[in-house]
Amino acid sequence: MASEATSLNDQLGLPASALDGIQSVLAIHESVNGAIVYGSRAKGTYRKGSDIDLTLIAPDMPWSEFLTIEQQLDDLLLPWRIDLSLYHQIDQPDLKAHIDRVGIRLA
């Protein structure tokens, strides 16, 4: 299990503490069925300051809970911006195809 975490850290270019923090926030929200990192971090083309593109699988999540998660992630004070979205609300077929193709599941 530790080697999986290490390889995920390496793959996404994020320290374990950052991933642990993100996963801890998501774990306290029962309406989150999953979370997927996509974009440059999932493709391995990220740079030092690249943001974290994160979409939530949470079709029944109320908007107020989404805003709470955004705030809780911001409170982690990570040095990267987290671009948070709800997968079911993405209306761009190309973006959904990208997420489906290269996305890395966190939760």
N, C-alpha and C. Protein backbone atom coordinates (compact mmCIF):
# COMPACT_ATOMS: atom_id res chain seq x y z
N MET A 1 0.82 -1.19 0.00
CA MET A 1 0.00 0.00 0.00
C MET A 1 0.87 1.26 0.00
N ALA A 2 1.95 1.26 0.76
CA ALA A 2 2.83 2.42 0.79
C ALA A 2 3.44 2.70 -0.57
N SER A 3 3.77 1.64 -1.31
CA SER A 3 4.35 1.85 -2.64
C SER A 3 3.32 2.44 -3.59
N GLU A 4 2.04 2.09 -3.42
CA GLU A 4 0.99 2.70 -4.24
C GLU A 4 0.91 4.19 -3.94
N ALA A 5 0.95 4.55 -2.67
CA ALA A 5 0.89 5.96 -2.29
C ALA A 5 2.10 6.71 -2.83
N THR A 6 3.28 6.11 -2.71
CA THR A 6 4.49 6.74 -3.22
C THR A 6 4.40 6.95 -4.72
N SER A 7 3.94 5.94 -5.44
CA SER A 7 3.85 6.09 -6.89
C SER A 7 2.79 7.12 -7.27
N LEU A 8 1.70 7.20 -6.52
CA LEU A 8 0.69 8.22 -6.78
C LEU A 8 1.25 9.61 -6.52
N ASN A 9 2.00 9.75 -5.43
CA ASN A 9 2.65 11.04 -5.14
C ASN A 9 3.57 11.44 -6.29
N ASP A 10 4.40 10.49 -6.72
CA ASP A 10 5.33 10.76 -7.81
C ASP A 10 4.59 11.08 -9.10
N GLN A 11 3.55 10.31 -9.38
CA GLN A 11 2.81 10.49 -10.63
C GLN A 11 2.15 11.86 -10.70
N LEU A 12 1.61 12.32 -9.57
CA LEU A 12 0.90 13.60 -9.56
C LEU A 12 1.81 14.77 -9.21
N GLY A 13 3.03 14.47 -8.77
CA GLY A 13 3.96 15.53 -8.41
C GLY A 13 3.54 16.27 -7.15
N LEU A 14 2.92 15.55 -6.23
CA LEU A 14 2.44 16.15 -4.98
C LEU A 14 2.97 15.36 -3.79
N PRO A 15 3.31 16.03 -2.71
CA PRO A 15 3.77 15.30 -1.52
C PRO A 15 2.61 14.55 -0.86
N ALA A 16 2.96 13.53 -0.11
CA ALA A 16 1.96 12.71 0.58
C ALA A 16 1.08 13.58 1.48
N SER A 17 1.66 14.58 2.11
CA SER A 17 0.88 15.44 3.01
C SER A 17 -0.24 16.17 2.27
N ALA A 18 0.02 16.59 1.04
CA ALA A 18 -1.01 17.27 0.25
C ALA A 18 -2.13 16.30 -0.12
N LEU A 19 -1.75 15.12 -0.61
CA LEU A 19 -2.76 14.13 -0.97
C LEU A 19 -3.55 13.68 0.24
N ASP A 20 -2.87 13.48 1.37
CA ASP A 20 -3.56 13.09 2.59
C ASP A 20 -4.57 14.15 3.01
N GLY A 21 -4.18 15.41 2.92
CA GLY A 21 -5.08 16.50 3.28
C GLY A 21 -6.31 16.54 2.40
N ILE A 22 -6.11 16.42 1.09
CA ILE A 22 -7.23 16.43 0.15
C ILE A 22 -8.14 15.24 0.43
N GLN A 23 -7.57 14.07 0.58
CA GLN A 23 -8.37 12.87 0.82
C GLN A 23 -9.10 12.95 2.15
N SER A 24 -8.51 13.56 3.16
CA SER A 24 -9.17 13.71 4.46
C SER A 24 -10.39 14.61 4.35
N VAL A 25 -10.27 15.69 3.59
CA VAL A 25 -11.42 16.57 3.38
C VAL A 25 -12.54 15.81 2.68
N LEU A 26 -12.21 15.09 1.63
CA LEU A 26 -13.24 14.39 0.85
C LEU A 26 -13.89 13.27 1.66
N ALA A 27 -13.12 12.63 2.53
CA ALA A 27 -13.62 11.47 3.28
C ALA A 27 -14.74 11.83 4.25
N ILE A 28 -14.81 13.07 4.69
CA ILE A 28 -15.85 13.44 5.65
C ILE A 28 -17.17 13.81 4.98
N HIS A 29 -17.20 13.76 3.67
CA HIS A 29 -18.42 14.11 2.92
C HIS A 29 -18.99 12.85 2.28
N GLU A 30 -20.09 12.38 2.85
CA GLU A 30 -20.69 11.13 2.38
C GLU A 30 -21.20 11.20 0.95
N SER A 31 -21.53 12.38 0.48
CA SER A 31 -22.06 12.49 -0.88
C SER A 31 -20.97 12.38 -1.95
N VAL A 32 -19.70 12.39 -1.53
CA VAL A 32 -18.59 12.22 -2.48
C VAL A 32 -18.40 10.72 -2.73
N ASN A 33 -18.74 10.29 -3.94
CA ASN A 33 -18.56 8.89 -4.33
C ASN A 33 -17.19 8.63 -4.92
N GLY A 34 -16.49 9.67 -5.28
CA GLY A 34 -15.16 9.54 -5.86
C GLY A 34 -14.60 10.90 -6.22
N ALA A 35 -13.31 10.93 -6.47
CA ALA A 35 -12.63 12.16 -6.87
C ALA A 35 -11.55 11.78 -7.87
N ILE A 36 -11.44 12.56 -8.93
CA ILE A 36 -10.50 12.26 -10.01
C ILE A 36 -9.64 13.48 -10.30
N VAL A 37 -8.32 13.27 -10.28
CA VAL A 37 -7.38 14.31 -10.70
C VAL A 37 -7.19 14.13 -12.21
N TYR A 38 -7.23 15.24 -12.94
CA TYR A 38 -7.03 15.19 -14.38
C TYR A 38 -6.12 16.34 -14.79
N GLY A 39 -5.98 16.56 -16.06
CA GLY A 39 -5.14 17.65 -16.53
C GLY A 39 -3.66 17.29 -16.47
N SER A 40 -2.83 18.32 -16.35
CA SER A 40 -1.38 18.11 -16.44
C SER A 40 -0.84 17.20 -15.34
N ARG A 41 -1.44 17.24 -14.17
CA ARG A 41 -0.95 16.37 -13.08
C ARG A 41 -1.22 14.90 -13.40
N ALA A 42 -2.35 14.61 -14.00
CA ALA A 42 -2.66 13.22 -14.36
C ALA A 42 -1.84 12.77 -15.56
N LYS A 43 -1.57 13.69 -16.48
CA LYS A 43 -0.81 13.33 -17.68
C LYS A 43 0.69 13.27 -17.44
N GLY A 44 1.13 13.83 -16.31
CA GLY A 44 2.57 13.85 -16.02
C GLY A 44 3.29 14.99 -16.70
N THR A 45 2.55 15.99 -17.17
CA THR A 45 3.16 17.14 -17.84
C THR A 45 3.11 18.40 -16.97
N TYR A 46 2.87 18.21 -15.68
CA TYR A 46 2.74 19.34 -14.75
C TYR A 46 4.09 20.04 -14.58
N ARG A 47 4.00 21.28 -14.14
CA ARG A 47 5.17 22.05 -13.74
C ARG A 47 5.08 22.30 -12.24
N LYS A 48 6.11 22.85 -11.69
CA LYS A 48 6.18 23.05 -10.24
C LYS A 48 4.93 23.74 -9.68
N GLY A 49 4.44 24.75 -10.34
CA GLY A 49 3.30 25.51 -9.84
C GLY A 49 1.96 25.16 -10.46
N SER A 50 1.89 24.05 -11.19
CA SER A 50 0.64 23.67 -11.85
C SER A 50 -0.49 23.48 -10.84
N ASP A 51 -1.68 23.89 -11.24
CA ASP A 51 -2.83 23.70 -10.36
C ASP A 51 -3.22 22.23 -10.30
N ILE A 52 -4.16 21.93 -9.43
CA ILE A 52 -4.67 20.57 -9.27
C ILE A 52 -6.09 20.57 -9.80
N ASP A 53 -6.30 19.94 -10.95
CA ASP A 53 -7.64 19.82 -11.52
C ASP A 53 -8.30 18.62 -10.86
N LEU A 54 -9.39 18.85 -10.15
CA LEU A 54 -10.03 17.80 -9.37
C LEU A 54 -11.53 17.85 -9.61
N THR A 55 -12.09 16.73 -10.04
CA THR A 55 -13.53 16.65 -10.21
C THR A 55 -14.10 15.62 -9.26
N LEU A 56 -15.26 15.92 -8.73
CA LEU A 56 -15.91 15.05 -7.76
C LEU A 56 -17.03 14.26 -8.41
N ILE A 57 -17.09 12.99 -8.08
CA ILE A 57 -18.22 12.15 -8.47
C ILE A 57 -19.19 12.24 -7.30
N ALA A 58 -20.20 13.07 -7.48
CA ALA A 58 -21.13 13.36 -6.38
C ALA A 58 -22.44 13.89 -6.96
N PRO A 59 -23.19 13.04 -7.68
CA PRO A 59 -24.38 13.53 -8.37
C PRO A 59 -25.47 14.07 -7.45
N ASP A 60 -25.47 13.69 -6.18
CA ASP A 60 -26.51 14.15 -5.26
C ASP A 60 -26.04 15.25 -4.32
N MET A 61 -24.87 15.80 -4.58
CA MET A 61 -24.30 16.81 -3.68
C MET A 61 -25.01 18.15 -3.85
N PRO A 62 -25.49 18.71 -2.74
CA PRO A 62 -26.04 20.06 -2.82
C PRO A 62 -24.92 21.09 -3.04
N TRP A 63 -25.27 22.19 -3.69
CA TRP A 63 -24.28 23.21 -4.00
C TRP A 63 -23.61 23.75 -2.74
N SER A 64 -24.36 23.86 -1.67
CA SER A 64 -23.79 24.37 -0.41
C SER A 64 -22.67 23.45 0.09
N GLU A 65 -22.81 22.16 -0.09
CA GLU A 65 -21.76 21.23 0.33
C GLU A 65 -20.53 21.37 -0.57
N PHE A 66 -20.76 21.56 -1.86
CA PHE A 66 -19.65 21.79 -2.79
C PHE A 66 -18.84 23.01 -2.34
N LEU A 67 -19.54 24.09 -1.99
CA LEU A 67 -18.86 25.30 -1.54
C LEU A 67 -18.11 25.06 -0.23
N THR A 68 -18.67 24.23 0.64
CA THR A 68 -17.99 23.88 1.89
C THR A 68 -16.69 23.13 1.60
N ILE A 69 -16.75 22.18 0.67
CA ILE A 69 -15.54 21.42 0.30
C ILE A 69 -14.49 22.35 -0.29
N GLU A 70 -14.93 23.26 -1.15
CA GLU A 70 -13.99 24.24 -1.72
C GLU A 70 -13.27 25.00 -0.61
N GLN A 71 -14.04 25.43 0.39
CA GLN A 71 -13.46 26.20 1.50
C GLN A 71 -12.51 25.33 2.32
N GLN A 72 -12.92 24.09 2.59
CA GLN A 72 -12.07 23.19 3.37
C GLN A 72 -10.76 22.88 2.65
N LEU A 73 -10.83 22.72 1.34
CA LEU A 73 -9.61 22.50 0.57
C LEU A 73 -8.72 23.74 0.59
N ASP A 74 -9.35 24.91 0.49
CA ASP A 74 -8.59 26.16 0.56
C ASP A 74 -7.93 26.32 1.93
N ASP A 75 -8.62 25.87 2.97
CA ASP A 75 -8.08 25.97 4.33
C ASP A 75 -6.85 25.08 4.55
N LEU A 76 -6.60 24.14 3.64
CA LEU A 76 -5.39 23.31 3.74
C LEU A 76 -4.13 24.14 3.49
N LEU A 77 -4.32 25.32 2.88
CA LEU A 77 -3.21 26.24 2.59
C LEU A 77 -2.12 25.58 1.74
N LEU A 78 -2.56 24.79 0.77
CA LEU A 78 -1.61 24.18 -0.16
C LEU A 78 -1.07 25.25 -1.10
N PRO A 79 0.14 25.10 -1.56
CA PRO A 79 0.71 26.11 -2.46
C PRO A 79 0.23 26.00 -3.91
N TRP A 80 -0.75 25.13 -4.15
CA TRP A 80 -1.31 24.97 -5.49
C TRP A 80 -2.79 25.30 -5.46
N ARG A 81 -3.26 25.93 -6.51
CA ARG A 81 -4.68 26.20 -6.65
C ARG A 81 -5.38 24.90 -6.99
N ILE A 82 -6.53 24.65 -6.39
CA ILE A 82 -7.32 23.46 -6.72
C ILE A 82 -8.51 23.92 -7.54
N ASP A 83 -8.56 23.45 -8.78
CA ASP A 83 -9.67 23.75 -9.68
C ASP A 83 -10.69 22.63 -9.50
N LEU A 84 -11.72 22.89 -8.69
CA LEU A 84 -12.68 21.87 -8.28
C LEU A 84 -13.93 21.93 -9.15
N SER A 85 -14.44 20.76 -9.53
CA SER A 85 -15.67 20.69 -10.31
C SER A 85 -16.47 19.46 -9.90
N LEU A 86 -17.72 19.45 -10.34
CA LEU A 86 -18.57 18.28 -10.17
C LEU A 86 -18.68 17.60 -11.54
N TYR A 87 -18.29 16.35 -11.60
CA TYR A 87 -18.24 15.64 -12.87
C TYR A 87 -19.57 15.69 -13.61
N HIS A 88 -20.67 15.48 -12.90
CA HIS A 88 -21.97 15.42 -13.57
C HIS A 88 -22.42 16.78 -14.11
N GLN A 89 -21.76 17.86 -13.70
CA GLN A 89 -22.12 19.19 -14.20
C GLN A 89 -21.23 19.65 -15.36
N ILE A 90 -20.24 18.86 -15.71
CA ILE A 90 -19.37 19.22 -16.83
C ILE A 90 -20.15 18.98 -18.12
N ASP A 91 -20.31 20.04 -18.90
CA ASP A 91 -21.11 19.92 -20.13
C ASP A 91 -20.26 19.96 -21.40
N GLN A 92 -18.96 19.79 -21.23
CA GLN A 92 -18.05 19.77 -22.38
C GLN A 92 -17.64 18.33 -22.65
N PRO A 93 -18.14 17.72 -23.73
CA PRO A 93 -17.83 16.32 -24.01
C PRO A 93 -16.32 16.04 -24.11
N ASP A 94 -15.56 16.96 -24.67
CA ASP A 94 -14.11 16.75 -24.80
C ASP A 94 -13.43 16.71 -23.43
N LEU A 95 -13.88 17.55 -22.51
CA LEU A 95 -13.30 17.55 -21.17
C LEU A 95 -13.65 16.26 -20.44
N LYS A 96 -14.90 15.82 -20.56
CA LYS A 96 -15.29 14.55 -19.92
C LYS A 96 -14.48 13.39 -20.50
N ALA A 97 -14.28 13.40 -21.81
CA ALA A 97 -13.50 12.34 -22.44
C ALA A 97 -12.06 12.37 -21.93
N HIS A 98 -11.50 13.56 -21.76
CA HIS A 98 -10.14 13.70 -21.22
C HIS A 98 -10.08 13.12 -19.80
N ILE A 99 -11.05 13.47 -18.97
CA ILE A 99 -11.08 12.97 -17.59
C ILE A 99 -11.19 11.45 -17.59
N ASP A 100 -12.07 10.93 -18.43
CA ASP A 100 -12.26 9.48 -18.50
C ASP A 100 -11.00 8.77 -18.98
N ARG A 101 -10.27 9.42 -19.87
CA ARG A 101 -9.09 8.81 -20.48
C ARG A 101 -7.86 8.87 -19.58
N VAL A 102 -7.58 10.04 -18.99
CA VAL A 102 -6.32 10.21 -18.26
C VAL A 102 -6.48 10.41 -16.76
N GLY A 103 -7.71 10.56 -16.31
CA GLY A 103 -7.95 10.86 -14.90
C GLY A 103 -7.41 9.78 -13.96
N ILE A 104 -6.97 10.23 -12.79
CA ILE A 104 -6.45 9.34 -11.76
C ILE A 104 -7.35 9.47 -10.54
N ARG A 105 -7.92 8.37 -10.14
CA ARG A 105 -8.88 8.37 -9.03
C ARG A 105 -8.15 8.53 -7.69
N LEU A 106 -8.62 9.49 -6.90
CA LEU A 106 -8.08 9.71 -5.56
C LEU A 106 -8.95 9.07 -4.49
N ALA A 107 -10.24 9.15 -4.68
CA ALA A 107 -11.16 8.63 -3.66
C ALA A 107 -12.31 7.91 -4.35
